[in-house]
N, C-alpha and C. Protein backbone atom coordinates (compact mmCIF):
# COMPACT_ATOMS: atom_id res chain seq x y z
N MET A 1 -1.07 16.38 -93.02
CA MET A 1 -0.99 15.39 -92.00
C MET A 1 -0.01 15.77 -90.90
N ASP A 2 0.76 16.66 -91.17
CA ASP A 2 1.67 17.12 -90.17
C ASP A 2 0.92 17.65 -88.95
N LYS A 3 -0.15 18.28 -89.27
CA LYS A 3 -0.94 18.85 -88.19
C LYS A 3 -1.52 17.73 -87.34
N VAL A 4 -2.02 16.69 -87.92
CA VAL A 4 -2.58 15.56 -87.18
C VAL A 4 -1.47 14.89 -86.40
N SER A 5 -0.34 14.78 -86.97
CA SER A 5 0.79 14.15 -86.30
C SER A 5 1.22 14.99 -85.11
N ASP A 6 1.26 16.29 -85.29
CA ASP A 6 1.61 17.18 -84.17
C ASP A 6 0.56 17.10 -83.06
N MET A 7 -0.70 17.06 -83.45
CA MET A 7 -1.77 16.96 -82.45
C MET A 7 -1.67 15.63 -81.69
N ALA A 8 -1.37 14.56 -82.38
CA ALA A 8 -1.24 13.26 -81.73
C ALA A 8 -0.03 13.26 -80.80
N TYR A 9 1.06 13.88 -81.28
CA TYR A 9 2.27 13.95 -80.47
C TYR A 9 2.00 14.79 -79.24
N ASN A 10 1.33 15.93 -79.41
CA ASN A 10 0.99 16.79 -78.27
C ASN A 10 0.03 16.08 -77.32
N ALA A 11 -0.92 15.35 -77.84
CA ALA A 11 -1.86 14.60 -77.00
C ALA A 11 -1.11 13.56 -76.21
N LYS A 12 -0.16 12.92 -76.88
CA LYS A 12 0.65 11.89 -76.20
C LYS A 12 1.43 12.52 -75.06
N ASP A 13 2.04 13.70 -75.29
CA ASP A 13 2.80 14.38 -74.24
C ASP A 13 1.89 14.82 -73.10
N THR A 14 0.71 15.32 -73.45
CA THR A 14 -0.24 15.76 -72.44
C THR A 14 -0.69 14.58 -71.59
N ILE A 15 -0.98 13.48 -72.24
CA ILE A 15 -1.42 12.28 -71.50
C ILE A 15 -0.29 11.79 -70.61
N LYS A 16 0.93 11.81 -71.15
CA LYS A 16 2.09 11.37 -70.37
C LYS A 16 2.28 12.28 -69.15
N GLU A 17 2.18 13.60 -69.33
CA GLU A 17 2.31 14.54 -68.23
C GLU A 17 1.21 14.33 -67.19
N LYS A 18 -0.02 14.18 -67.65
CA LYS A 18 -1.15 13.96 -66.73
C LYS A 18 -0.97 12.65 -65.98
N ALA A 19 -0.49 11.63 -66.67
CA ALA A 19 -0.27 10.33 -66.03
C ALA A 19 0.82 10.44 -64.97
N GLU A 20 1.90 11.17 -65.30
CA GLU A 20 2.99 11.37 -64.34
C GLU A 20 2.50 12.18 -63.14
N GLU A 21 1.71 13.21 -63.39
CA GLU A 21 1.15 14.01 -62.29
C GLU A 21 0.25 13.15 -61.41
N ALA A 22 -0.59 12.33 -62.04
CA ALA A 22 -1.50 11.46 -61.28
C ALA A 22 -0.69 10.45 -60.48
N TYR A 23 0.38 9.91 -61.10
CA TYR A 23 1.24 8.94 -60.41
C TYR A 23 1.93 9.60 -59.22
N ASP A 24 2.51 10.79 -59.42
CA ASP A 24 3.18 11.52 -58.34
C ASP A 24 2.20 11.85 -57.21
N THR A 25 0.99 12.31 -57.57
CA THR A 25 -0.02 12.64 -56.56
C THR A 25 -0.41 11.39 -55.77
N ALA A 26 -0.63 10.29 -56.49
CA ALA A 26 -1.00 9.03 -55.82
C ALA A 26 0.14 8.55 -54.93
N LEU A 27 1.37 8.68 -55.42
CA LEU A 27 2.54 8.27 -54.65
C LEU A 27 2.66 9.10 -53.37
N LYS A 28 2.49 10.42 -53.50
CA LYS A 28 2.55 11.30 -52.33
C LYS A 28 1.45 10.96 -51.33
N LYS A 29 0.24 10.75 -51.85
CA LYS A 29 -0.87 10.39 -50.96
C LYS A 29 -0.60 9.05 -50.28
N GLY A 30 -0.06 8.10 -51.06
CA GLY A 30 0.28 6.80 -50.48
C GLY A 30 1.31 6.92 -49.39
N HIS A 31 2.36 7.74 -49.64
CA HIS A 31 3.39 7.96 -48.62
C HIS A 31 2.79 8.65 -47.40
N ASN A 32 1.94 9.65 -47.62
CA ASN A 32 1.29 10.34 -46.50
C ASN A 32 0.44 9.37 -45.69
N MET A 33 -0.30 8.52 -46.38
CA MET A 33 -1.15 7.55 -45.68
C MET A 33 -0.30 6.55 -44.91
N MET A 34 0.82 6.11 -45.49
CA MET A 34 1.71 5.18 -44.79
C MET A 34 2.31 5.86 -43.56
N TYR A 35 2.71 7.13 -43.72
CA TYR A 35 3.28 7.87 -42.60
C TYR A 35 2.26 8.01 -41.47
N LYS A 36 1.04 8.41 -41.85
CA LYS A 36 -0.02 8.55 -40.84
C LYS A 36 -0.33 7.22 -40.18
N ALA A 37 -0.38 6.15 -40.99
CA ALA A 37 -0.65 4.82 -40.43
C ALA A 37 0.47 4.41 -39.48
N SER A 38 1.72 4.73 -39.88
CA SER A 38 2.86 4.43 -39.02
C SER A 38 2.79 5.22 -37.72
N GLU A 39 2.43 6.52 -37.82
CA GLU A 39 2.27 7.34 -36.61
C GLU A 39 1.18 6.79 -35.71
N MET A 40 0.07 6.39 -36.34
CA MET A 40 -1.04 5.84 -35.55
C MET A 40 -0.60 4.53 -34.89
N GLY A 41 0.14 3.72 -35.62
CA GLY A 41 0.65 2.48 -35.04
C GLY A 41 1.59 2.76 -33.88
N ASN A 42 2.48 3.75 -34.07
CA ASN A 42 3.40 4.12 -32.99
C ASN A 42 2.63 4.67 -31.79
N ASP A 43 1.62 5.50 -32.06
CA ASP A 43 0.79 6.02 -30.97
C ASP A 43 0.10 4.89 -30.24
N ALA A 44 -0.43 3.95 -31.01
CA ALA A 44 -1.12 2.81 -30.39
C ALA A 44 -0.13 2.00 -29.56
N TYR A 45 1.07 1.82 -30.09
CA TYR A 45 2.11 1.08 -29.36
C TYR A 45 2.47 1.82 -28.08
N ASP A 46 2.66 3.16 -28.20
CA ASP A 46 2.98 3.96 -27.01
C ASP A 46 1.86 3.90 -25.99
N LYS A 47 0.61 3.97 -26.48
CA LYS A 47 -0.52 3.89 -25.55
C LYS A 47 -0.59 2.51 -24.91
N GLY A 48 -0.23 1.49 -25.68
CA GLY A 48 -0.16 0.14 -25.12
C GLY A 48 0.89 0.06 -24.03
N ASP A 49 2.06 0.70 -24.30
CA ASP A 49 3.11 0.75 -23.28
C ASP A 49 2.64 1.51 -22.05
N MET A 50 1.95 2.64 -22.30
CA MET A 50 1.43 3.43 -21.18
C MET A 50 0.43 2.61 -20.38
N ALA A 51 -0.42 1.87 -21.09
CA ALA A 51 -1.41 1.04 -20.40
C ALA A 51 -0.71 -0.05 -19.61
N SER A 52 0.32 -0.63 -20.22
CA SER A 52 1.07 -1.67 -19.52
C SER A 52 1.76 -1.11 -18.29
N ASP A 53 2.36 0.10 -18.46
CA ASP A 53 3.00 0.75 -17.31
C ASP A 53 1.98 1.09 -16.24
N ALA A 54 0.81 1.58 -16.67
CA ALA A 54 -0.25 1.92 -15.72
C ALA A 54 -0.71 0.66 -14.99
N LYS A 55 -0.83 -0.43 -15.75
CA LYS A 55 -1.23 -1.70 -15.13
C LYS A 55 -0.20 -2.12 -14.09
N ALA A 56 1.09 -2.00 -14.46
CA ALA A 56 2.14 -2.36 -13.52
C ALA A 56 2.11 -1.45 -12.29
N SER A 57 1.86 -0.16 -12.52
CA SER A 57 1.79 0.78 -11.39
C SER A 57 0.62 0.46 -10.48
N VAL A 58 -0.52 0.16 -11.09
CA VAL A 58 -1.70 -0.20 -10.29
C VAL A 58 -1.43 -1.48 -9.52
N LYS A 59 -0.82 -2.44 -10.20
CA LYS A 59 -0.51 -3.72 -9.54
C LYS A 59 0.43 -3.49 -8.37
N GLU A 60 1.46 -2.65 -8.60
CA GLU A 60 2.41 -2.35 -7.54
C GLU A 60 1.73 -1.61 -6.39
N ALA A 61 0.89 -0.63 -6.75
CA ALA A 61 0.18 0.13 -5.72
C ALA A 61 -0.73 -0.77 -4.91
N MET A 62 -1.42 -1.67 -5.60
CA MET A 62 -2.31 -2.61 -4.90
C MET A 62 -1.49 -3.52 -3.99
N GLY A 63 -0.36 -3.99 -4.52
CA GLY A 63 0.52 -4.84 -3.70
C GLY A 63 1.02 -4.09 -2.49
N ASP A 64 1.42 -2.82 -2.70
CA ASP A 64 1.87 -2.00 -1.58
C ASP A 64 0.74 -1.79 -0.58
N ALA A 65 -0.46 -1.53 -1.09
CA ALA A 65 -1.60 -1.30 -0.20
C ALA A 65 -1.91 -2.55 0.60
N ILE A 66 -1.88 -3.71 -0.08
CA ILE A 66 -2.15 -4.97 0.62
C ILE A 66 -1.07 -5.23 1.64
N SER A 67 0.18 -5.03 1.21
CA SER A 67 1.30 -5.24 2.13
C SER A 67 1.23 -4.28 3.30
N SER A 68 0.91 -3.02 2.97
CA SER A 68 0.77 -2.01 4.02
C SER A 68 -0.37 -2.37 4.96
N GLY A 69 -1.46 -2.88 4.38
CA GLY A 69 -2.59 -3.31 5.19
C GLY A 69 -2.20 -4.44 6.12
N LYS A 70 -1.43 -5.39 5.56
CA LYS A 70 -0.95 -6.51 6.39
C LYS A 70 -0.05 -5.99 7.48
N ASP A 71 0.91 -5.10 7.08
CA ASP A 71 1.82 -4.53 8.07
C ASP A 71 1.05 -3.75 9.12
N SER A 72 0.09 -2.96 8.65
CA SER A 72 -0.71 -2.16 9.57
C SER A 72 -1.50 -3.06 10.52
N SER A 73 -2.08 -4.12 9.97
CA SER A 73 -2.84 -5.05 10.81
C SER A 73 -1.92 -5.71 11.82
N PHE A 74 -0.73 -6.12 11.36
CA PHE A 74 0.23 -6.76 12.26
C PHE A 74 0.66 -5.78 13.34
N ASP A 75 0.91 -4.51 12.93
CA ASP A 75 1.30 -3.49 13.90
C ASP A 75 0.20 -3.27 14.93
N ARG A 76 -1.05 -3.21 14.46
CA ARG A 76 -2.17 -3.04 15.40
C ARG A 76 -2.28 -4.24 16.34
N TYR A 77 -2.07 -5.45 15.79
CA TYR A 77 -2.11 -6.65 16.62
C TYR A 77 -1.01 -6.59 17.69
N GLU A 78 0.20 -6.20 17.24
CA GLU A 78 1.32 -6.10 18.18
C GLU A 78 1.03 -5.05 19.25
N ASP A 79 0.45 -3.91 18.85
CA ASP A 79 0.08 -2.86 19.81
C ASP A 79 -0.93 -3.39 20.83
N ALA A 80 -1.94 -4.07 20.32
CA ALA A 80 -2.98 -4.61 21.21
C ALA A 80 -2.37 -5.64 22.16
N LYS A 81 -1.49 -6.48 21.62
CA LYS A 81 -0.85 -7.49 22.46
C LYS A 81 0.02 -6.83 23.53
N SER A 82 0.74 -5.79 23.13
CA SER A 82 1.59 -5.07 24.07
C SER A 82 0.74 -4.40 25.16
N LYS A 83 -0.37 -3.77 24.75
CA LYS A 83 -1.25 -3.12 25.73
C LYS A 83 -1.86 -4.15 26.67
N ALA A 84 -2.24 -5.30 26.14
CA ALA A 84 -2.80 -6.35 26.99
C ALA A 84 -1.76 -6.83 27.99
N HIS A 85 -0.51 -6.98 27.51
CA HIS A 85 0.58 -7.40 28.41
C HIS A 85 0.82 -6.35 29.48
N ASP A 86 0.86 -5.07 29.06
CA ASP A 86 1.07 -3.98 30.02
C ASP A 86 -0.05 -3.94 31.05
N THR A 87 -1.29 -4.12 30.58
CA THR A 87 -2.45 -4.12 31.49
C THR A 87 -2.34 -5.28 32.46
N TYR A 88 -1.97 -6.46 31.96
CA TYR A 88 -1.82 -7.64 32.82
C TYR A 88 -0.74 -7.39 33.87
N MET A 89 0.40 -6.85 33.45
CA MET A 89 1.50 -6.62 34.39
C MET A 89 1.09 -5.58 35.44
N PHE A 90 0.37 -4.52 35.00
CA PHE A 90 -0.09 -3.52 35.95
C PHE A 90 -1.05 -4.15 36.96
N ALA A 91 -1.99 -4.95 36.43
CA ALA A 91 -2.96 -5.60 37.32
C ALA A 91 -2.24 -6.55 38.28
N LYS A 92 -1.29 -7.31 37.75
CA LYS A 92 -0.53 -8.26 38.58
C LYS A 92 0.23 -7.50 39.66
N ASP A 93 0.93 -6.42 39.26
CA ASP A 93 1.68 -5.64 40.23
C ASP A 93 0.75 -5.02 41.26
N SER A 94 -0.42 -4.54 40.78
CA SER A 94 -1.39 -3.95 41.70
C SER A 94 -1.88 -5.00 42.68
N MET A 95 -2.16 -6.20 42.18
CA MET A 95 -2.65 -7.27 43.05
C MET A 95 -1.56 -7.67 44.03
N ILE A 96 -0.32 -7.72 43.55
CA ILE A 96 0.79 -8.07 44.44
C ILE A 96 0.94 -6.99 45.52
N ASP A 97 0.89 -5.72 45.07
CA ASP A 97 1.00 -4.63 46.04
C ASP A 97 -0.15 -4.67 47.03
N GLU A 98 -1.37 -4.91 46.52
CA GLU A 98 -2.54 -5.00 47.40
C GLU A 98 -2.41 -6.18 48.35
N ALA A 99 -1.94 -7.30 47.82
CA ALA A 99 -1.75 -8.49 48.67
C ALA A 99 -0.69 -8.22 49.74
N LYS A 100 0.39 -7.52 49.34
CA LYS A 100 1.44 -7.18 50.31
C LYS A 100 0.87 -6.30 51.41
N GLU A 101 0.06 -5.30 51.00
CA GLU A 101 -0.54 -4.40 51.99
C GLU A 101 -1.43 -5.18 52.95
N LYS A 102 -2.25 -6.07 52.38
CA LYS A 102 -3.13 -6.86 53.24
C LYS A 102 -2.33 -7.79 54.15
N TYR A 103 -1.24 -8.36 53.59
CA TYR A 103 -0.38 -9.24 54.40
C TYR A 103 0.25 -8.46 55.55
N GLU A 104 0.76 -7.25 55.22
CA GLU A 104 1.38 -6.41 56.25
C GLU A 104 0.35 -6.02 57.31
N ALA A 105 -0.86 -5.68 56.86
CA ALA A 105 -1.92 -5.30 57.81
C ALA A 105 -2.28 -6.50 58.68
N ALA A 106 -2.38 -7.68 58.04
CA ALA A 106 -2.70 -8.88 58.82
C ALA A 106 -1.57 -9.21 59.79
N LYS A 107 -0.33 -9.05 59.33
CA LYS A 107 0.83 -9.32 60.19
C LYS A 107 0.84 -8.38 61.39
N GLU A 108 0.50 -7.13 61.15
CA GLU A 108 0.42 -6.17 62.26
C GLU A 108 -0.68 -6.57 63.23
N MET A 109 -1.83 -7.01 62.65
CA MET A 109 -2.94 -7.41 63.53
C MET A 109 -2.54 -8.64 64.36
N VAL A 110 -1.84 -9.59 63.70
CA VAL A 110 -1.40 -10.79 64.43
C VAL A 110 -0.38 -10.40 65.49
N SER A 111 0.53 -9.50 65.13
CA SER A 111 1.54 -9.06 66.08
C SER A 111 0.88 -8.34 67.26
N GLU A 112 -0.10 -7.50 66.93
CA GLU A 112 -0.82 -6.79 68.00
C GLU A 112 -1.60 -7.77 68.87
N ALA A 113 -2.25 -8.74 68.21
CA ALA A 113 -3.01 -9.74 68.98
C ALA A 113 -2.06 -10.55 69.86
N ALA A 114 -0.89 -10.92 69.29
CA ALA A 114 0.10 -11.68 70.07
C ALA A 114 0.60 -10.83 71.24
N GLY A 115 0.81 -9.54 70.96
CA GLY A 115 1.26 -8.64 72.02
C GLY A 115 0.20 -8.53 73.11
N ASN A 116 -1.07 -8.40 72.69
CA ASN A 116 -2.16 -8.31 73.67
C ASN A 116 -2.27 -9.60 74.46
N LEU A 117 -2.16 -10.74 73.76
CA LEU A 117 -2.24 -12.04 74.44
C LEU A 117 -1.09 -12.16 75.44
N GLY A 118 0.10 -11.75 74.99
CA GLY A 118 1.28 -11.82 75.88
C GLY A 118 1.07 -10.93 77.09
N ALA A 119 0.50 -9.76 76.88
CA ALA A 119 0.28 -8.83 77.98
C ALA A 119 -0.75 -9.40 78.93
N LYS A 120 -1.81 -10.02 78.37
CA LYS A 120 -2.83 -10.63 79.22
C LYS A 120 -2.24 -11.76 80.02
N MET A 121 -1.42 -12.53 79.34
CA MET A 121 -0.81 -13.67 80.02
C MET A 121 0.10 -13.19 81.15
N ARG A 122 0.83 -12.13 80.90
CA ARG A 122 1.72 -11.63 81.93
C ARG A 122 0.93 -11.03 83.10
N THR A 123 -0.11 -10.28 82.77
CA THR A 123 -0.90 -9.70 83.83
C THR A 123 -1.67 -10.77 84.57
N GLY A 124 -2.11 -11.77 83.84
CA GLY A 124 -2.84 -12.85 84.49
C GLY A 124 -1.92 -13.64 85.39
N ARG A 125 -0.71 -13.84 85.06
CA ARG A 125 0.24 -14.56 85.88
C ARG A 125 0.68 -13.73 87.06
N THR A 126 0.84 -12.48 86.79
CA THR A 126 1.27 -11.61 87.86
C THR A 126 0.18 -11.54 88.92
N ALA A 127 -1.04 -11.60 88.49
CA ALA A 127 -2.13 -11.54 89.41
C ALA A 127 -2.19 -12.83 90.20
N GLU A 128 -1.80 -13.91 89.59
CA GLU A 128 -1.83 -15.19 90.27
C GLU A 128 -0.70 -15.28 91.28
N LEU A 129 0.38 -14.64 91.03
CA LEU A 129 1.51 -14.76 91.93
C LEU A 129 1.22 -13.93 93.13
């Protein structure tokens, strides 16, 4: 019976060793799976942060574009208003200059007509005397 007892004892040790090996293997695999799951979670979190940052960047860029568009539109409006004002002032000055020229020409014509009338009057009187 010693032999049977030794075989049972050896079987018990073999089963214990196999069980410990299976436990260690399962534990290692479990740790590896937890590590990988943790890495995947961290990656997902990082990608979420990247997406959030990208969203913020897009939002900021859109805000800047809209603001820039508003500024650009306002600048174009101000340019157009300034050009219209400059055109008006040029036209006004031109009309004033043209009016002055016409006034001066008319004044000369009146002065010449008055001079001619005065000369006629003097010659007409001289002839009468």
